[in-house]
C-alpha atoms as a PDB file:
ATOM      1  CA  MET A   1      17.944 -32.515  15.309  1.00  0.00           C
ATOM      2  CA  ASP A   2      17.263 -34.629  12.210  1.00  0.00           C
ATOM      3  CA  LEU A   3      19.958 -35.609   9.736  1.00  0.00           C
ATOM      4  CA  ARG A   4      19.094 -32.870   7.265  1.00  0.00           C
ATOM      5  CA  ALA A   5      19.284 -30.160   9.903  1.00  0.00           C
ATOM      6  CA  ALA A   6      22.553 -31.583  11.236  1.00  0.00           C
ATOM      7  CA  LEU A   7      24.151 -31.476   7.786  1.00  0.00           C
ATOM      8  CA  ASP A   8      22.795 -27.986   7.207  1.00  0.00           C
ATOM      9  CA  GLU A   9      24.219 -26.749  10.517  1.00  0.00           C
ATOM     10  CA  ALA A  10      27.581 -28.413   9.860  1.00  0.00           C
ATOM     11  CA  MET A  11      27.855 -26.593   6.523  1.00  0.00           C
ATOM     12  CA  ASP A  12      26.874 -23.313   8.152  1.00  0.00           C
ATOM     13  CA  LEU A  13      29.587 -23.650  10.800  1.00  0.00           C
ATOM     14  CA  ALA A  14      32.173 -24.490   8.146  1.00  0.00           C
ATOM     15  CA  VAL A  15      31.332 -21.202   6.333  1.00  0.00           C
ATOM     16  CA  VAL A  16      32.945 -21.849   2.925  1.00  0.00           C
ATOM     17  CA  PRO A  17      30.668 -24.699   1.819  1.00  0.00           C
ATOM     18  CA  SER A  18      27.676 -22.843   3.263  1.00  0.00           C
ATOM     19  CA  PHE A  19      28.284 -19.489   1.588  1.00  0.00           C
ATOM     20  CA  THR A  20      29.319 -20.807  -1.834  1.00  0.00           C
ATOM     21  CA  LYS A  21      27.173 -22.469  -4.473  1.00  0.00           C
ATOM     22  CA  VAL A  22      27.976 -25.782  -2.804  1.00  0.00           C
ATOM     23  CA  GLY A  23      25.730 -24.860   0.110  1.00  0.00           C
ATOM     24  CA  TYR A  24      22.974 -23.662  -2.177  1.00  0.00           C
ATOM     25  CA  ASP A  25      23.032 -26.828  -4.292  1.00  0.00           C
ATOM     26  CA  VAL A  26      23.184 -29.183  -1.292  1.00  0.00           C
ATOM     27  CA  ARG A  27      20.318 -27.457   0.513  1.00  0.00           C
ATOM     28  CA  ARG A  28      18.183 -27.277  -2.614  1.00  0.00           C
ATOM     29  CA  ARG A  29      18.401 -31.039  -2.911  1.00  0.00           C
ATOM     30  CA  LEU A  30      18.291 -31.676   0.825  1.00  0.00           C
ATOM     31  CA  TYR A  31      15.010 -29.827   1.331  1.00  0.00           C
ATOM     32  CA  GLY A  32      13.512 -30.337  -2.129  1.00  0.00           C
ATOM     33  CA  TRP A  33      13.152 -26.624  -2.820  1.00  0.00           C
ATOM     34  CA  GLY A  34      10.770 -25.443  -5.449  1.00  0.00           C
ATOM     35  CA  GLN A  35      10.917 -22.035  -7.081  1.00  0.00           C
ATOM     36  CA  PRO A  36      11.398 -19.122  -4.628  1.00  0.00           C
ATOM     37  CA  VAL A  37       8.074 -17.595  -5.718  1.00  0.00           C
ATOM     38  CA  GLN A  38       5.441 -20.166  -4.864  1.00  0.00           C
ATOM     39  CA  ARG A  39       2.331 -18.254  -5.945  1.00  0.00           C
ATOM     40  CA  PRO A  40       1.559 -15.356  -8.316  1.00  0.00           C
ATOM     41  CA  LEU A  41       2.353 -11.879  -6.979  1.00  0.00           C
ATOM     42  CA  ASP A  42      -0.106  -9.997  -9.179  1.00  0.00           C
ATOM     43  CA  GLY A  43      -1.037  -6.710  -7.564  1.00  0.00           C
ATOM     44  CA  ARG A  44       1.754  -6.862  -4.971  1.00  0.00           C
ATOM     45  CA  ARG A  45       3.884  -3.697  -5.036  1.00  0.00           C
ATOM     46  CA  VAL A  46       7.568  -4.237  -4.281  1.00  0.00           C
ATOM     47  CA  VAL A  47      10.045  -1.413  -3.627  1.00  0.00           C
ATOM     48  CA  LEU A  48      13.553  -2.667  -4.375  1.00  0.00           C
ATOM     49  CA  THR A  49      16.794  -0.711  -3.951  1.00  0.00           C
ATOM     50  CA  GLY A  50      19.992  -1.551  -5.799  1.00  0.00           C
ATOM     51  CA  ALA A  51      18.089  -3.182  -8.647  1.00  0.00           C
ATOM     52  CA  THR A  52      20.317  -2.290 -11.614  1.00  0.00           C
ATOM     53  CA  SER A  53      22.810  -5.156 -11.266  1.00  0.00           C
ATOM     54  CA  GLY A  54      23.786  -8.240  -9.288  1.00  0.00           C
ATOM     55  CA  LEU A  55      21.406  -9.594  -6.678  1.00  0.00           C
ATOM     56  CA  GLY A  56      18.931  -6.757  -7.068  1.00  0.00           C
ATOM     57  CA  LEU A  57      18.579  -7.240 -10.810  1.00  0.00           C
ATOM     58  CA  ALA A  58      18.210 -11.010 -10.394  1.00  0.00           C
ATOM     59  CA  ALA A  59      15.526 -10.494  -7.728  1.00  0.00           C
ATOM     60  CA  ALA A  60      13.729  -7.896  -9.873  1.00  0.00           C
ATOM     61  CA  ARG A  61      13.530 -10.236 -12.844  1.00  0.00           C
ATOM     62  CA  THR A  62      12.148 -13.092 -10.779  1.00  0.00           C
ATOM     63  CA  LEU A  63       9.586 -10.895  -9.015  1.00  0.00           C
ATOM     64  CA  ALA A  64       8.487  -9.310 -12.297  1.00  0.00           C
ATOM     65  CA  ARG A  65       7.941 -12.728 -13.890  1.00  0.00           C
ATOM     66  CA  ALA A  66       5.732 -13.596 -10.907  1.00  0.00           C
ATOM     67  CA  GLY A  67       3.551 -10.558 -11.589  1.00  0.00           C
ATOM     68  CA  ALA A  68       4.803  -8.113  -8.948  1.00  0.00           C
ATOM     69  CA  GLU A  69       4.575  -4.391  -9.591  1.00  0.00           C
ATOM     70  CA  LEU A  70       8.108  -3.083  -9.041  1.00  0.00           C
ATOM     71  CA  ALA A  71       9.323   0.313  -7.921  1.00  0.00           C
ATOM     72  CA  LEU A  72      13.071   0.296  -8.545  1.00  0.00           C
ATOM     73  CA  VAL A  73      15.254   2.725  -6.605  1.00  0.00           C
ATOM     74  CA  ALA A  74      18.495   3.522  -8.429  1.00  0.00           C
ATOM     75  CA  ARG A  75      21.173   6.209  -8.540  1.00  0.00           C
ATOM     76  CA  ASP A  76      22.048   5.843 -12.224  1.00  0.00           C
ATOM     77  CA  ARG A  77      19.222   6.866 -14.548  1.00  0.00           C
ATOM     78  CA  ALA A  78      20.735   5.235 -17.642  1.00  0.00           C
ATOM     79  CA  LYS A  79      21.179   1.879 -15.905  1.00  0.00           C
ATOM     80  CA  GLY A  80      17.716   2.167 -14.432  1.00  0.00           C
ATOM     81  CA  ARG A  81      16.153   2.733 -17.834  1.00  0.00           C
ATOM     82  CA  ARG A  82      17.916  -0.323 -19.238  1.00  0.00           C
ATOM     83  CA  VAL A  83      16.466  -2.407 -16.426  1.00  0.00           C
ATOM     84  CA  LEU A  84      12.997  -0.972 -17.089  1.00  0.00           C
ATOM     85  CA  ALA A  85      13.280  -1.976 -20.727  1.00  0.00           C
ATOM     86  CA  ASP A  86      14.205  -5.472 -19.586  1.00  0.00           C
ATOM     87  CA  LEU A  87      11.352  -5.805 -17.081  1.00  0.00           C
ATOM     88  CA  GLY A  88       8.532  -4.240 -19.063  1.00  0.00           C
ATOM     89  CA  GLU A  89       5.471  -2.305 -18.010  1.00  0.00           C
ATOM     90  CA  ARG A  90       5.213  -3.698 -14.470  1.00  0.00           C
ATOM     91  CA  ALA A  91       8.123  -1.562 -13.254  1.00  0.00           C
ATOM     92  CA  GLU A  92       8.665   2.099 -12.431  1.00  0.00           C
ATOM     93  CA  LEU A  93      11.954   3.879 -11.794  1.00  0.00           C
ATOM     94  CA  VAL A  94      12.690   6.160  -8.840  1.00  0.00           C
ATOM     95  CA  ILE A  95      16.033   7.964  -9.065  1.00  0.00           C
ATOM     96  CA  GLY A  96      17.853   8.924  -5.889  1.00  0.00           C
ATOM     97  CA  ASP A  97      20.892   8.326  -3.711  1.00  0.00           C
ATOM     98  CA  LEU A  98      20.253   6.510  -0.435  1.00  0.00           C
ATOM     99  CA  GLY A  99      23.309   8.226   1.038  1.00  0.00           C
ATOM    100  CA  ASP A 100      21.621  11.620   0.687  1.00  0.00           C
ATOM    101  CA  LEU A 101      18.894  11.998   3.309  1.00  0.00           C
ATOM    102  CA  ASP A 102      17.208  14.831   1.408  1.00  0.00           C
ATOM    103  CA  ALA A 103      16.998  12.580  -1.652  1.00  0.00           C
ATOM    104  CA  VAL A 104      15.603   9.772   0.512  1.00  0.00           C
ATOM    105  CA  ARG A 105      12.842  12.058   1.741  1.00  0.00           C
ATOM    106  CA  ALA A 106      11.922  12.937  -1.842  1.00  0.00           C
ATOM    107  CA  MET A 107      11.971   9.255  -2.828  1.00  0.00           C
ATOM    108  CA  GLY A 108       9.854   8.323   0.172  1.00  0.00           C
ATOM    109  CA  GLU A 109       7.268  10.957  -0.724  1.00  0.00           C
ATOM    110  CA  ARG A 110       7.060   9.749  -4.320  1.00  0.00           C
ATOM    111  CA  LEU A 111       6.881   6.075  -3.376  1.00  0.00           C
ATOM    112  CA  ALA A 112       4.196   6.689  -0.754  1.00  0.00           C
ATOM    113  CA  ALA A 113       2.148   8.683  -3.269  1.00  0.00           C
ATOM    114  CA  GLY A 114       2.183   5.652  -5.555  1.00  0.00           C
ATOM    115  CA  GLY A 115      -0.044   3.693  -3.182  1.00  0.00           C
ATOM    116  CA  ARG A 116       0.305   0.634  -1.020  1.00  0.00           C
ATOM    117  CA  VAL A 117       3.727  -0.943  -0.503  1.00  0.00           C
ATOM    118  CA  ASP A 118       3.638  -4.687   0.091  1.00  0.00           C
ATOM    119  CA  VAL A 119       7.373  -5.409   0.190  1.00  0.00           C
ATOM    120  CA  LEU A 120      10.360  -3.134   0.816  1.00  0.00           C
ATOM    121  CA  VAL A 121      13.757  -4.667   0.009  1.00  0.00           C
ATOM    122  CA  HIS A 122      16.877  -2.860   1.233  1.00  0.00           C
ATOM    123  CA  ASN A 123      19.414  -4.349  -1.158  1.00  0.00           C
ATOM    124  CA  ALA A 124      21.598  -1.419  -2.255  1.00  0.00           C
ATOM    125  CA  SER A 125      25.146  -1.338  -0.922  1.00  0.00           C
ATOM    126  CA  ALA A 126      28.644  -0.246  -1.887  1.00  0.00           C
ATOM    127  CA  LEU A 127      32.120  -1.138  -0.677  1.00  0.00           C
ATOM    128  CA  LEU A 128      34.225   2.026  -0.865  1.00  0.00           C
ATOM    129  CA  ASP A 129      37.988   2.247  -1.344  1.00  0.00           C
ATOM    130  CA  ARG A 130      38.353   5.426   0.733  1.00  0.00           C
ATOM    131  CA  ARG A 131      36.440   7.550   3.210  1.00  0.00           C
ATOM    132  CA  ARG A 132      33.729   9.592   1.581  1.00  0.00           C
ATOM    133  CA  ARG A 133      31.046  11.884   2.958  1.00  0.00           C
ATOM    134  CA  SER A 134      27.347  12.150   2.277  1.00  0.00           C
ATOM    135  CA  PRO A 135      25.825  15.555   1.516  1.00  0.00           C
ATOM    136  CA  GLN A 136      24.886  15.732   5.208  1.00  0.00           C
ATOM    137  CA  GLY A 137      28.492  15.015   6.253  1.00  0.00           C
ATOM    138  CA  HIS A 138      28.060  11.403   7.364  1.00  0.00           C
ATOM    139  CA  GLU A 139      30.480   8.643   6.392  1.00  0.00           C
ATOM    140  CA  LEU A 140      28.998   7.417   3.130  1.00  0.00           C
ATOM    141  CA  THR A 141      28.914   3.665   3.787  1.00  0.00           C
ATOM    142  CA  PHE A 142      26.960   4.169   7.008  1.00  0.00           C
ATOM    143  CA  ALA A 143      24.790   6.839   5.413  1.00  0.00           C
ATOM    144  CA  SER A 144      23.793   4.781   2.367  1.00  0.00           C
ATOM    145  CA  MET A 145      23.473   1.377   4.023  1.00  0.00           C
ATOM    146  CA  VAL A 146      22.063   2.304   7.446  1.00  0.00           C
ATOM    147  CA  LEU A 147      20.715   5.846   7.705  1.00  0.00           C
ATOM    148  CA  GLY A 148      19.102   6.041   4.268  1.00  0.00           C
ATOM    149  CA  PRO A 149      17.307   2.681   4.524  1.00  0.00           C
ATOM    150  CA  HIS A 150      16.244   3.476   8.094  1.00  0.00           C
ATOM    151  CA  LEU A 151      14.680   6.753   6.980  1.00  0.00           C
ATOM    152  CA  LEU A 152      13.050   5.182   3.920  1.00  0.00           C
ATOM    153  CA  THR A 153      11.491   2.497   6.104  1.00  0.00           C
ATOM    154  CA  ARG A 154      10.080   5.125   8.439  1.00  0.00           C
ATOM    155  CA  LEU A 155       8.641   7.118   5.539  1.00  0.00           C
ATOM    156  CA  LEU A 156       6.961   4.059   4.003  1.00  0.00           C
ATOM    157  CA  VAL A 157       5.445   2.560   7.157  1.00  0.00           C
ATOM    158  CA  PRO A 158       2.074   4.272   6.525  1.00  0.00           C
ATOM    159  CA  ALA A 159       1.996   2.737   3.034  1.00  0.00           C
ATOM    160  CA  MET A 160       2.817  -0.695   4.459  1.00  0.00           C
ATOM    161  CA  GLU A 161       0.686  -0.653   7.586  1.00  0.00           C
ATOM    162  CA  ARG A 162      -2.403  -2.860   7.514  1.00  0.00           C
ATOM    163  CA  ALA A 163      -4.418  -5.257   9.619  1.00  0.00           C
ATOM    164  CA  PRO A 164      -2.314  -8.349  10.419  1.00  0.00           C
ATOM    165  CA  ASP A 165      -4.941 -10.575   8.765  1.00  0.00           C
ATOM    166  CA  ALA A 166      -5.366  -8.388   5.676  1.00  0.00           C
ATOM    167  CA  PRO A 167      -5.742 -10.121   2.279  1.00  0.00           C
ATOM    168  CA  GLY A 168      -2.320 -11.042   0.958  1.00  0.00           C
ATOM    169  CA  GLY A 169      -0.867 -11.179   4.440  1.00  0.00           C
ATOM    170  CA  PRO A 170       1.424  -8.717   6.182  1.00  0.00           C
ATOM    171  CA  ALA A 171       3.689  -6.285   4.409  1.00  0.00           C
ATOM    172  CA  ARG A 172       7.369  -7.210   4.540  1.00  0.00           C
ATOM    173  CA  VAL A 173      10.639  -5.344   5.008  1.00  0.00           C
ATOM    174  CA  ILE A 174      13.758  -7.261   3.979  1.00  0.00           C
ATOM    175  CA  TRP A 175      17.295  -6.121   4.785  1.00  0.00           C
ATOM    176  CA  VAL A 176      19.968  -7.740   2.600  1.00  0.00           C
ATOM    177  CA  ALA A 177      23.021  -8.027   4.827  1.00  0.00           C
ATOM    178  CA  SER A 178      26.274  -9.951   4.398  1.00  0.00           C
ATOM    179  CA  GLY A 179      27.999 -12.885   6.039  1.00  0.00           C
ATOM    180  CA  GLY A 180      30.930 -10.528   6.591  1.00  0.00           C
ATOM    181  CA  MET A 181      29.012  -9.014   9.497  1.00  0.00           C
ATOM    182  CA  TYR A 182      29.801 -12.177  11.511  1.00  0.00           C
ATOM    183  CA  LEU A 183      33.341 -10.828  12.013  1.00  0.00           C
ATOM    184  CA  GLN A 184      32.331  -7.382  13.252  1.00  0.00           C
ATOM    185  CA  ARG A 185      30.532  -6.060  16.288  1.00  0.00           C
ATOM    186  CA  LEU A 186      28.452  -2.933  16.712  1.00  0.00           C
ATOM    187  CA  ARG A 187      30.755  -0.020  17.546  1.00  0.00           C
ATOM    188  CA  LEU A 188      28.612   2.530  19.330  1.00  0.00           C
ATOM    189  CA  ASP A 189      31.794   4.381  20.265  1.00  0.00           C
ATOM    190  CA  ASP A 190      32.675   4.801  16.584  1.00  0.00           C
ATOM    191  CA  LEU A 191      29.644   4.177  14.362  1.00  0.00           C
ATOM    192  CA  MET A 192      31.176   5.867  11.328  1.00  0.00           C
ATOM    193  CA  MET A 193      34.778   4.704  11.726  1.00  0.00           C
ATOM    194  CA  GLU A 194      36.109   8.151  12.603  1.00  0.00           C
ATOM    195  CA  ARG A 195      38.620   7.080  15.260  1.00  0.00           C
ATOM    196  CA  GLU A 196      40.730   4.708  13.203  1.00  0.00           C
ATOM    197  CA  PRO A 197      42.185   4.500   9.700  1.00  0.00           C
ATOM    198  CA  TYR A 198      39.434   3.909   7.194  1.00  0.00           C
ATOM    199  CA  ARG A 199      39.132   0.406   5.750  1.00  0.00           C
ATOM    200  CA  GLY A 200      36.298  -0.063   3.313  1.00  0.00           C
ATOM    201  CA  THR A 201      35.781  -3.765   3.993  1.00  0.00           C
ATOM    202  CA  ILE A 202      35.499  -3.140   7.755  1.00  0.00           C
ATOM    203  CA  ALA A 203      33.133  -0.182   7.321  1.00  0.00           C
ATOM    204  CA  TYR A 204      30.990  -2.330   5.026  1.00  0.00           C
ATOM    205  CA  ALA A 205      30.830  -5.272   7.448  1.00  0.00           C
ATOM    206  CA  ARG A 206      30.012  -2.994  10.392  1.00  0.00           C
ATOM    207  CA  ALA A 207      27.222  -1.353   8.418  1.00  0.00           C
ATOM    208  CA  LYS A 208      25.831  -4.804   7.632  1.00  0.00           C
ATOM    209  CA  ARG A 209      25.943  -5.672  11.357  1.00  0.00           C
ATOM    210  CA  ALA A 210      24.007  -2.479  12.055  1.00  0.00           C
ATOM    211  CA  GLN A 211      21.431  -3.408   9.402  1.00  0.00           C
ATOM    212  CA  VAL A 212      20.694  -6.740  11.074  1.00  0.00           C
ATOM    213  CA  LEU A 213      20.282  -5.102  14.472  1.00  0.00           C
ATOM    214  CA  LEU A 214      18.037  -2.400  13.027  1.00  0.00           C
ATOM    215  CA  ALA A 215      15.925  -5.090  11.370  1.00  0.00           C
ATOM    216  CA  GLN A 216      15.318  -6.584  14.814  1.00  0.00           C
ATOM    217  CA  ALA A 217      14.443  -3.177  16.257  1.00  0.00           C
ATOM    218  CA  TRP A 218      12.010  -2.488  13.405  1.00  0.00           C
ATOM    219  CA  ALA A 219      10.452  -5.938  13.827  1.00  0.00           C
ATOM    220  CA  GLU A 220       9.621  -5.160  17.444  1.00  0.00           C
ATOM    221  CA  ARG A 221       8.081  -1.798  16.588  1.00  0.00           C
ATOM    222  CA  LEU A 222       6.014  -3.007  13.633  1.00  0.00           C
ATOM    223  CA  ALA A 223       4.816  -6.336  15.037  1.00  0.00           C
ATOM    224  CA  GLU A 224       1.339  -4.986  15.820  1.00  0.00           C
ATOM    225  CA  ARG A 225       1.032  -2.953  12.625  1.00  0.00           C
ATOM    226  CA  GLY A 226       0.763  -5.691  10.036  1.00  0.00           C
ATOM    227  CA  VAL A 227       4.406  -5.517   8.915  1.00  0.00           C
ATOM    228  CA  VAL A 228       7.037  -8.235   9.342  1.00  0.00           C
ATOM    229  CA  VAL A 229      10.755  -7.496   9.143  1.00  0.00           C
ATOM    230  CA  HIS A 230      13.574  -9.884   8.314  1.00  0.00           C
ATOM    231  CA  ALA A 231      17.248  -9.766   7.368  1.00  0.00           C
ATOM    232  CA  THR A 232      19.120 -12.174   5.145  1.00  0.00           C
ATOM    233  CA  HIS A 233      22.572 -12.777   3.792  1.00  0.00           C
ATOM    234  CA  PRO A 234      22.950 -14.180   0.273  1.00  0.00           C
ATOM    235  CA  GLY A 235      26.216 -16.034   0.640  1.00  0.00           C
ATOM    236  CA  TRP A 236      29.053 -15.284  -1.775  1.00  0.00           C
ATOM    237  CA  ALA A 237      27.733 -14.458  -5.236  1.00  0.00           C
ATOM    238  CA  ASP A 238      29.525 -13.472  -8.417  1.00  0.00           C
ATOM    239  CA  THR A 239      28.214  -9.953  -8.936  1.00  0.00           C
ATOM    240  CA  PRO A 240      29.636  -6.827 -10.593  1.00  0.00           C
ATOM    241  CA  GLY A 241      30.103  -5.346  -7.134  1.00  0.00           C
ATOM    242  CA  VAL A 242      32.289  -8.238  -6.018  1.00  0.00           C
ATOM    243  CA  ALA A 243      34.280  -8.097  -9.260  1.00  0.00           C
ATOM    244  CA  ALA A 244      34.950  -4.377  -8.805  1.00  0.00           C
ATOM    245  CA  SER A 245      35.562  -4.261  -5.050  1.00  0.00           C
ATOM    246  CA  LEU A 246      37.061  -7.668  -4.226  1.00  0.00           C
ATOM    247  CA  PRO A 247      38.923  -8.850  -7.348  1.00  0.00           C
ATOM    248  CA  ASN A 248      41.350 -11.113  -5.439  1.00  0.00           C
ATOM    249  CA  PHE A 249      38.509 -12.749  -3.535  1.00  0.00           C
ATOM    250  CA  ARG A 250      36.700 -13.342  -6.818  1.00  0.00           C
ATOM    251  CA  ARG A 251      39.837 -14.734  -8.476  1.00  0.00           C
ATOM    252  CA  ILE A 252      40.407 -17.251  -5.665  1.00  0.00           C
ATOM    253  CA  LEU A 253      36.798 -18.387  -5.186  1.00  0.00           C
ATOM    254  CA  GLY A 254      35.485 -17.712  -8.679  1.00  0.00           C
ATOM    255  CA  PRO A 255      34.373 -21.260  -9.577  1.00  0.00           C
ATOM    256  CA  LEU A 256      32.622 -21.609  -6.213  1.00  0.00           C
ATOM    257  CA  LEU A 257      30.743 -18.309  -6.202  1.00  0.00           C
ATOM    258  CA  ARG A 258      26.976 -18.406  -6.493  1.00  0.00           C
ATOM    259  CA  SER A 259      25.203 -16.992  -9.489  1.00  0.00           C
ATOM    260  CA  PRO A 260      23.248 -13.774  -8.836  1.00  0.00           C
ATOM    261  CA  GLU A 261      20.040 -15.823  -9.114  1.00  0.00           C
ATOM    262  CA  GLN A 262      21.235 -18.246  -6.424  1.00  0.00           C
ATOM    263  CA  GLY A 263      22.276 -15.340  -4.204  1.00  0.00           C
ATOM    264  CA  ALA A 264      18.891 -13.679  -4.666  1.00  0.00           C
ATOM    265  CA  ASP A 265      16.895 -16.847  -3.984  1.00  0.00           C
ATOM    266  CA  THR A 266      16.189 -16.205  -0.290  1.00  0.00           C
ATOM    267  CA  ILE A 267      15.464 -12.517  -0.919  1.00  0.00           C
ATOM    268  CA  VAL A 268      12.689 -13.473  -3.334  1.00  0.00           C
ATOM    269  CA  TRP A 269      11.495 -16.296  -1.080  1.00  0.00           C
ATOM    270  CA  LEU A 270      11.223 -13.915   1.899  1.00  0.00           C
ATOM    271  CA  ALA A 271       9.212 -11.519  -0.253  1.00  0.00           C
ATOM    272  CA  SER A 272       6.695 -14.143  -1.316  1.00  0.00           C
ATOM    273  CA  ALA A 273       6.566 -17.342   0.770  1.00  0.00           C
ATOM    274  CA  ASP A 274       4.121 -18.056   3.582  1.00  0.00           C
ATOM    275  CA  GLU A 275       6.631 -19.124   6.242  1.00  0.00           C
ATOM    276  CA  PRO A 276       8.410 -15.772   6.716  1.00  0.00           C
ATOM    277  CA  ALA A 277       5.021 -14.021   6.900  1.00  0.00           C
ATOM    278  CA  ARG A 278       4.296 -15.931  10.121  1.00  0.00           C
ATOM    279  CA  THR A 279       7.441 -14.720  11.929  1.00  0.00           C
ATOM    280  CA  THR A 280       9.413 -11.506  12.300  1.00  0.00           C
ATOM    281  CA  GLY A 281      12.852 -10.286  13.321  1.00  0.00           C
ATOM    282  CA  LEU A 282      14.830 -13.286  12.033  1.00  0.00           C
ATOM    283  CA  PHE A 283      18.112 -13.554  10.109  1.00  0.00           C
ATOM    284  CA  TRP A 284      17.952 -15.954   7.156  1.00  0.00           C
ATOM    285  CA  HIS A 285      20.346 -17.745   4.851  1.00  0.00           C
ATOM    286  CA  ASP A 286      19.206 -20.271   2.260  1.00  0.00           C
ATOM    287  CA  ARG A 287      15.568 -20.151   3.428  1.00  0.00           C
ATOM    288  CA  ARG A 288      16.350 -21.006   7.053  1.00  0.00           C
ATOM    289  CA  PRO A 289      16.774 -18.806  10.142  1.00  0.00           C
ATOM    290  CA  ARG A 290      20.389 -18.465  11.278  1.00  0.00           C
ATOM    291  CA  PRO A 291      22.108 -17.071  14.382  1.00  0.00           C
ATOM    292  CA  ILE A 292      23.238 -13.477  14.040  1.00  0.00           C
ATOM    293  CA  ASP A 293      26.361 -14.194  16.097  1.00  0.00           C
ATOM    294  CA  ARG A 294      29.021 -16.837  15.573  1.00  0.00           C
ATOM    295  CA  LEU A 295      31.649 -15.175  17.785  1.00  0.00           C
ATOM    296  CA  PRO A 296      30.840 -14.226  21.403  1.00  0.00           C
ATOM    297  CA  TRP A 297      32.524 -10.838  21.207  1.00  0.00           C
ATOM    298  CA  THR A 298      30.230  -9.669  18.378  1.00  0.00           C
ATOM    299  CA  ARG A 299      27.045 -10.071  20.423  1.00  0.00           C
ATOM    300  CA  ALA A 300      25.079  -6.845  21.015  1.00  0.00           C
ATOM    301  CA  SER A 301      22.769  -6.417  23.979  1.00  0.00           C
ATOM    302  CA  ALA A 302      19.176  -5.255  23.677  1.00  0.00           C
ATOM    303  CA  ALA A 303      20.270  -1.951  25.221  1.00  0.00           C
ATOM    304  CA  GLU A 304      22.969  -1.494  22.570  1.00  0.00           C
ATOM    305  CA  ARG A 305      20.484  -2.247  19.822  1.00  0.00           C
ATOM    306  CA  GLU A 306      18.109   0.357  21.218  1.00  0.00           C
ATOM    307  CA  GLU A 307      20.925   2.880  21.408  1.00  0.00           C
ATOM    308  CA  LEU A 308      21.691   2.242  17.729  1.00  0.00           C
ATOM    309  CA  TRP A 309      18.027   2.907  16.958  1.00  0.00           C
ATOM    310  CA  ARG A 310      18.058   6.119  18.999  1.00  0.00           C
ATOM    311  CA  ARG A 311      21.164   7.418  17.260  1.00  0.00           C
ATOM    312  CA  CYS A 312      19.796   6.638  13.825  1.00  0.00           C
ATOM    313  CA  GLU A 313      16.614   8.509  14.709  1.00  0.00           C
ATOM    314  CA  VAL A 314      18.666  11.525  15.770  1.00  0.00           C
ATOM    315  CA  LEU A 315      20.892  11.405  12.679  1.00  0.00           C
ATOM    316  CA  VAL A 316      18.034  11.198  10.171  1.00  0.00           C
ATOM    317  CA  GLY A 317      16.086  13.947  11.952  1.00  0.00           C
ATOM    318  CA  ASP A 318      12.361  14.443  11.885  1.00  0.00           C
ATOM    319  CA  GLY A 319      11.978  13.831   8.157  1.00  0.00           C
END
């Protein structure tokens, strides 16, 4: 291991310097990063969820400046229209709630009818203060962050599928997870937190763990179909979601939190750079692959990952 990699790994193990803007700034200098988009994206169609604020909005702006054609999935029509006005003619708005599987099916149909999808970014998330239910009766955090994205991916595979050596390279699916998933394991015995008192932060972290495992399962299934799949965590960024859901966390770490643009850097890089197009099924932070487990008791077996896939398939139905 060279000196740069050793310093990088030391920061990652220490967590706080890695996840804050300190880690971003050190790595940017350490590796001599350029801009996250390293070539024009003209003609590349990107579907991006959660694009009306925070990381999603920062990613949308960067991708639009690079020439990408954006399809923005949002729940709030007014916020979505404001973002469209900001981004200009290269963006379209698709309204729907990822926690509602019927709405996801309608969104998937509309997005597929719009033509080829080059990049699908699962960025939308929400940390809830109490247990809520989706229209189908599922716990809403799991429904909106796991089941909805899983179904949307399935519906858009035909629009993403292509020869592995097609012009522009493989299509990409990017799951935006969270470093909080390092503290939680997959709970197949209680996927939707029904057997214990509801805690929004725990439900959120478990859903993020499930996202990373599903990304691996999708990577295996799409490897021969011209689609690569990755997950990433953005570190700790100062976003409206953090301000609303974790005010004490924001108050304590405020000066150290990343900007939304810094948090979105690896999302945009995964959507555009050459290196992630040559691999699949990895978990990234600050443009480098990272372990998905830091604690032995969080590790999921291949059989458990496949069982998660099977249950998600059952829960979303036949589409």
